[in-house]
Amino acid sequence: MKRVFLVLALVMGLAAPAAAQTGFVNVQKLILDSKEGKKATQQIQEERRKKEAEVLAKKAELDKLKESIAKASSEKKDITALVKDYAEKEKELKRQAEDADLELKMRDKELTDAFLKKAGPALTKVAKDKKFTLVITNPSVVGYVDPNADITDSVVKELDKAAK
């Protein structure tokens, strides 16, 4: 019985395919270093600046209203309507800030997905050229990456070459 197992193990070992070559791409570095990634990053930063400016304008309006309440209060005037208006505008400001944050996160994801779709052919070409059978892009599943397996710089070069 031991002989059968030993023979079977030898045969299976001989028939086993060659070890898979695994590569790694740091997506964050790919985005930060490539021309296309820089373009997407700039686009999201511009959108973020616009949203921040809108929120800051609302905050300035709220600050003016707060000053009006303080002034009216010091003059012993009825501030009930002003306080109610302030509370409503404060809620509106919080909602606007949350909405802006959510919109920017969604837009960032859209741009990242579109970028990764553009980067796909460059990544495939580099992986095939280096004879990798698997390329990992999620750093949270990797404990260690041999520097020779990291093809990020090669993919950046290929992507930039394709973008010209």
C-alpha atoms as a PDB file:
ATOM      1  CA  MET A   1       0.000   0.000   0.000  1.00  0.00           C
ATOM      2  CA  LYS A   2       2.870   2.359   0.825  1.00  0.00           C
ATOM      3  CA  ARG A   3       4.396   1.634  -2.594  1.00  0.00           C
ATOM      4  CA  VAL A   4       1.181   2.559  -4.387  1.00  0.00           C
ATOM      5  CA  PHE A   5       1.019   5.830  -2.459  1.00  0.00           C
ATOM      6  CA  LEU A   6       4.697   6.574  -3.151  1.00  0.00           C
ATOM      7  CA  VAL A   7       4.328   5.827  -6.881  1.00  0.00           C
ATOM      8  CA  LEU A   8       1.151   7.917  -7.035  1.00  0.00           C
ATOM      9  CA  ALA A   9       2.878  10.822  -5.285  1.00  0.00           C
ATOM     10  CA  LEU A  10       5.828  10.664  -7.680  1.00  0.00           C
ATOM     11  CA  VAL A  11       3.594  10.552 -10.739  1.00  0.00           C
ATOM     12  CA  MET A  12       1.458  13.439  -9.502  1.00  0.00           C
ATOM     13  CA  GLY A  13       4.567  15.427  -8.676  1.00  0.00           C
ATOM     14  CA  LEU A  14       5.921  14.947 -12.186  1.00  0.00           C
ATOM     15  CA  ALA A  15       2.607  15.879 -13.738  1.00  0.00           C
ATOM     16  CA  ALA A  16       2.191  19.015 -11.625  1.00  0.00           C
ATOM     17  CA  PRO A  17       2.527  22.283 -13.511  1.00  0.00           C
ATOM     18  CA  ALA A  18       5.476  24.594 -12.960  1.00  0.00           C
ATOM     19  CA  ALA A  19       5.187  26.992 -10.029  1.00  0.00           C
ATOM     20  CA  ALA A  20       3.077  30.029 -10.723  1.00  0.00           C
ATOM     21  CA  GLN A  21       4.893  33.333 -11.033  1.00  0.00           C
ATOM     22  CA  THR A  22       3.173  35.968  -8.921  1.00  0.00           C
ATOM     23  CA  GLY A  23       3.548  39.702  -9.333  1.00  0.00           C
ATOM     24  CA  PHE A  24       2.312  42.651  -7.334  1.00  0.00           C
ATOM     25  CA  VAL A  25       1.084  46.117  -8.297  1.00  0.00           C
ATOM     26  CA  ASN A  26       0.707  48.896  -5.739  1.00  0.00           C
ATOM     27  CA  VAL A  27      -2.434  50.603  -7.049  1.00  0.00           C
ATOM     28  CA  GLN A  28      -1.937  53.714  -4.911  1.00  0.00           C
ATOM     29  CA  LYS A  29       1.580  54.204  -6.279  1.00  0.00           C
ATOM     30  CA  LEU A  30       0.301  53.507  -9.789  1.00  0.00           C
ATOM     31  CA  ILE A  31      -2.257  56.297  -9.408  1.00  0.00           C
ATOM     32  CA  LEU A  32       0.207  58.751  -7.871  1.00  0.00           C
ATOM     33  CA  ASP A  33       3.066  58.117 -10.333  1.00  0.00           C
ATOM     34  CA  SER A  34       1.351  57.713 -13.704  1.00  0.00           C
ATOM     35  CA  LYS A  35       0.211  60.567 -15.954  1.00  0.00           C
ATOM     36  CA  GLU A  36      -3.361  59.239 -16.129  1.00  0.00           C
ATOM     37  CA  GLY A  37      -3.450  58.774 -12.357  1.00  0.00           C
ATOM     38  CA  LYS A  38      -2.165  62.284 -11.752  1.00  0.00           C
ATOM     39  CA  LYS A  39      -4.862  63.602 -14.081  1.00  0.00           C
ATOM     40  CA  ALA A  40      -7.578  61.746 -12.150  1.00  0.00           C
ATOM     41  CA  THR A  41      -6.122  62.900  -8.827  1.00  0.00           C
ATOM     42  CA  GLN A  42      -6.091  66.516 -10.002  1.00  0.00           C
ATOM     43  CA  GLN A  43      -9.693  66.213 -11.181  1.00  0.00           C
ATOM     44  CA  ILE A  44     -10.924  64.936  -7.819  1.00  0.00           C
ATOM     45  CA  GLN A  45      -8.928  67.627  -5.981  1.00  0.00           C
ATOM     46  CA  GLU A  46     -10.578  70.339  -8.091  1.00  0.00           C
ATOM     47  CA  GLU A  47     -14.011  68.896  -7.336  1.00  0.00           C
ATOM     48  CA  ARG A  48     -13.109  68.727  -3.624  1.00  0.00           C
ATOM     49  CA  ARG A  49     -12.039  72.408  -3.656  1.00  0.00           C
ATOM     50  CA  LYS A  50     -15.377  73.417  -5.232  1.00  0.00           C
ATOM     51  CA  LYS A  51     -17.379  71.480  -2.650  1.00  0.00           C
ATOM     52  CA  GLU A  52     -15.295  72.921   0.194  1.00  0.00           C
ATOM     53  CA  ALA A  53     -15.850  76.448  -1.138  1.00  0.00           C
ATOM     54  CA  GLU A  54     -19.624  75.859  -1.194  1.00  0.00           C
ATOM     55  CA  VAL A  55     -19.581  74.564   2.391  1.00  0.00           C
ATOM     56  CA  LEU A  56     -17.376  77.458   3.547  1.00  0.00           C
ATOM     57  CA  ALA A  57     -19.768  79.975   1.959  1.00  0.00           C
ATOM     58  CA  LYS A  58     -22.650  78.426   3.880  1.00  0.00           C
ATOM     59  CA  LYS A  59     -20.581  78.467   7.074  1.00  0.00           C
ATOM     60  CA  ALA A  60     -19.835  82.171   6.572  1.00  0.00           C
ATOM     61  CA  GLU A  61     -23.557  82.807   6.183  1.00  0.00           C
ATOM     62  CA  LEU A  62     -24.170  80.878   9.403  1.00  0.00           C
ATOM     63  CA  ASP A  63     -21.465  82.870  11.223  1.00  0.00           C
ATOM     64  CA  LYS A  64     -23.126  86.160  10.151  1.00  0.00           C
ATOM     65  CA  LEU A  65     -26.433  84.910  11.465  1.00  0.00           C
ATOM     66  CA  LYS A  66     -24.763  83.977  14.759  1.00  0.00           C
ATOM     67  CA  GLU A  67     -23.392  87.523  15.018  1.00  0.00           C
ATOM     68  CA  SER A  68     -26.879  88.914  14.332  1.00  0.00           C
ATOM     69  CA  ILE A  69     -28.269  86.785  17.155  1.00  0.00           C
ATOM     70  CA  ALA A  70     -25.561  88.001  19.528  1.00  0.00           C
ATOM     71  CA  LYS A  71     -26.183  91.617  18.563  1.00  0.00           C
ATOM     72  CA  ALA A  72     -29.965  91.306  18.868  1.00  0.00           C
ATOM     73  CA  SER A  73     -29.585  89.562  22.195  1.00  0.00           C
ATOM     74  CA  SER A  74     -27.383  92.310  23.574  1.00  0.00           C
ATOM     75  CA  GLU A  75     -29.977  94.865  22.458  1.00  0.00           C
ATOM     76  CA  LYS A  76     -32.695  92.896  24.285  1.00  0.00           C
ATOM     77  CA  LYS A  77     -34.591  92.181  21.028  1.00  0.00           C
ATOM     78  CA  ASP A  78     -36.653  89.074  20.330  1.00  0.00           C
ATOM     79  CA  ILE A  79     -34.285  86.525  18.844  1.00  0.00           C
ATOM     80  CA  THR A  80     -36.682  83.549  18.576  1.00  0.00           C
ATOM     81  CA  ALA A  81     -36.962  83.751  14.792  1.00  0.00           C
ATOM     82  CA  LEU A  82     -33.216  84.253  14.388  1.00  0.00           C
ATOM     83  CA  VAL A  83     -32.401  81.261  16.598  1.00  0.00           C
ATOM     84  CA  LYS A  84     -34.871  79.091  14.678  1.00  0.00           C
ATOM     85  CA  ASP A  85     -33.369  80.241  11.368  1.00  0.00           C
ATOM     86  CA  TYR A  86     -29.870  79.533  12.718  1.00  0.00           C
ATOM     87  CA  ALA A  87     -30.804  76.008  13.795  1.00  0.00           C
ATOM     88  CA  GLU A  88     -32.319  75.255  10.375  1.00  0.00           C
ATOM     89  CA  LYS A  89     -29.303  76.609   8.533  1.00  0.00           C
ATOM     90  CA  GLU A  90     -26.934  74.702  10.812  1.00  0.00           C
ATOM     91  CA  LYS A  91     -28.756  71.449   9.988  1.00  0.00           C
ATOM     92  CA  GLU A  92     -28.641  72.350   6.313  1.00  0.00           C
ATOM     93  CA  LEU A  93     -24.889  73.010   6.534  1.00  0.00           C
ATOM     94  CA  LYS A  94     -24.239  69.637   8.196  1.00  0.00           C
ATOM     95  CA  ARG A  95     -26.363  67.881   5.589  1.00  0.00           C
ATOM     96  CA  GLN A  96     -24.586  69.713   2.767  1.00  0.00           C
ATOM     97  CA  ALA A  97     -21.164  68.785   4.172  1.00  0.00           C
ATOM     98  CA  GLU A  98     -22.174  65.115   4.535  1.00  0.00           C
ATOM     99  CA  ASP A  99     -23.646  65.058   1.021  1.00  0.00           C
ATOM    100  CA  ALA A 100     -20.526  66.662  -0.410  1.00  0.00           C
ATOM    101  CA  ASP A 101     -18.322  64.109   1.348  1.00  0.00           C
ATOM    102  CA  LEU A 102     -20.429  61.219   0.040  1.00  0.00           C
ATOM    103  CA  GLU A 103     -20.451  62.642  -3.499  1.00  0.00           C
ATOM    104  CA  LEU A 104     -16.675  63.049  -3.444  1.00  0.00           C
ATOM    105  CA  LYS A 105     -16.150  59.498  -2.204  1.00  0.00           C
ATOM    106  CA  MET A 106     -18.385  58.163  -4.974  1.00  0.00           C
ATOM    107  CA  ARG A 107     -16.641  60.320  -7.564  1.00  0.00           C
ATOM    108  CA  ASP A 108     -13.234  59.189  -6.301  1.00  0.00           C
ATOM    109  CA  LYS A 109     -14.325  55.569  -6.695  1.00  0.00           C
ATOM    110  CA  GLU A 110     -15.628  56.273 -10.218  1.00  0.00           C
ATOM    111  CA  LEU A 111     -12.350  57.883 -11.245  1.00  0.00           C
ATOM    112  CA  THR A 112     -10.303  55.106  -9.651  1.00  0.00           C
ATOM    113  CA  ASP A 113     -12.354  52.429 -11.406  1.00  0.00           C
ATOM    114  CA  ALA A 114     -12.043  54.241 -14.749  1.00  0.00           C
ATOM    115  CA  PHE A 115      -8.288  54.609 -14.204  1.00  0.00           C
ATOM    116  CA  LEU A 116      -7.868  50.935 -13.360  1.00  0.00           C
ATOM    117  CA  LYS A 117      -9.805  50.029 -16.500  1.00  0.00           C
ATOM    118  CA  LYS A 118      -7.370  52.162 -18.532  1.00  0.00           C
ATOM    119  CA  ALA A 119      -4.414  50.622 -16.695  1.00  0.00           C
ATOM    120  CA  GLY A 120      -5.621  47.075 -17.359  1.00  0.00           C
ATOM    121  CA  PRO A 121      -3.953  46.611 -20.760  1.00  0.00           C
ATOM    122  CA  ALA A 122      -0.613  47.992 -19.495  1.00  0.00           C
ATOM    123  CA  LEU A 123      -0.746  45.715 -16.470  1.00  0.00           C
ATOM    124  CA  THR A 124      -1.591  42.717 -18.674  1.00  0.00           C
ATOM    125  CA  LYS A 125       1.250  43.483 -21.075  1.00  0.00           C
ATOM    126  CA  VAL A 126       3.833  43.811 -18.300  1.00  0.00           C
ATOM    127  CA  ALA A 127       2.572  40.666 -16.557  1.00  0.00           C
ATOM    128  CA  LYS A 128       2.787  38.666 -19.793  1.00  0.00           C
ATOM    129  CA  ASP A 129       6.221  40.062 -20.638  1.00  0.00           C
ATOM    130  CA  LYS A 130       7.483  39.021 -17.213  1.00  0.00           C
ATOM    131  CA  LYS A 131       5.642  35.685 -17.496  1.00  0.00           C
ATOM    132  CA  PHE A 132       3.515  36.220 -14.398  1.00  0.00           C
ATOM    133  CA  THR A 133       0.461  34.010 -14.080  1.00  0.00           C
ATOM    134  CA  LEU A 134      -1.023  36.045 -11.248  1.00  0.00           C
ATOM    135  CA  VAL A 135      -0.797  39.714 -10.264  1.00  0.00           C
ATOM    136  CA  ILE A 136      -2.053  40.847  -6.861  1.00  0.00           C
ATOM    137  CA  THR A 137      -3.324  44.417  -6.501  1.00  0.00           C
ATOM    138  CA  ASN A 138      -4.727  44.306  -2.973  1.00  0.00           C
ATOM    139  CA  PRO A 139      -1.999  45.097  -0.430  1.00  0.00           C
ATOM    140  CA  SER A 140      -4.090  43.873   2.500  1.00  0.00           C
ATOM    141  CA  VAL A 141      -3.772  40.251   1.318  1.00  0.00           C
ATOM    142  CA  VAL A 142       0.011  40.395   1.015  1.00  0.00           C
ATOM    143  CA  GLY A 143       2.331  39.820   3.940  1.00  0.00           C
ATOM    144  CA  TYR A 144       5.556  40.202   1.990  1.00  0.00           C
ATOM    145  CA  VAL A 145       6.422  41.208  -1.554  1.00  0.00           C
ATOM    146  CA  ASP A 146       9.795  40.387  -3.035  1.00  0.00           C
ATOM    147  CA  PRO A 147      11.034  43.554  -4.780  1.00  0.00           C
ATOM    148  CA  ASN A 148      11.420  41.509  -7.981  1.00  0.00           C
ATOM    149  CA  ALA A 149       7.697  40.707  -7.918  1.00  0.00           C
ATOM    150  CA  ASP A 150       6.642  44.375  -7.689  1.00  0.00           C
ATOM    151  CA  ILE A 151       5.872  45.457 -11.245  1.00  0.00           C
ATOM    152  CA  THR A 152       4.320  48.818 -10.354  1.00  0.00           C
ATOM    153  CA  ASP A 153       7.082  50.922 -11.943  1.00  0.00           C
ATOM    154  CA  SER A 154       6.974  48.859 -15.133  1.00  0.00           C
ATOM    155  CA  VAL A 155       3.196  49.269 -15.351  1.00  0.00           C
ATOM    156  CA  VAL A 156       3.547  53.049 -14.805  1.00  0.00           C
ATOM    157  CA  LYS A 157       6.041  53.242 -17.693  1.00  0.00           C
ATOM    158  CA  GLU A 158       3.829  51.149 -19.957  1.00  0.00           C
ATOM    159  CA  LEU A 159       0.730  53.151 -19.055  1.00  0.00           C
ATOM    160  CA  ASP A 160       2.494  56.459 -19.649  1.00  0.00           C
ATOM    161  CA  LYS A 161       3.839  55.196 -22.972  1.00  0.00           C
ATOM    162  CA  ALA A 162       0.319  54.245 -24.029  1.00  0.00           C
ATOM    163  CA  ALA A 163      -1.055  57.654 -22.926  1.00  0.00           C
ATOM    164  CA  LYS A 164       1.184  59.598 -25.329  1.00  0.00           C
END
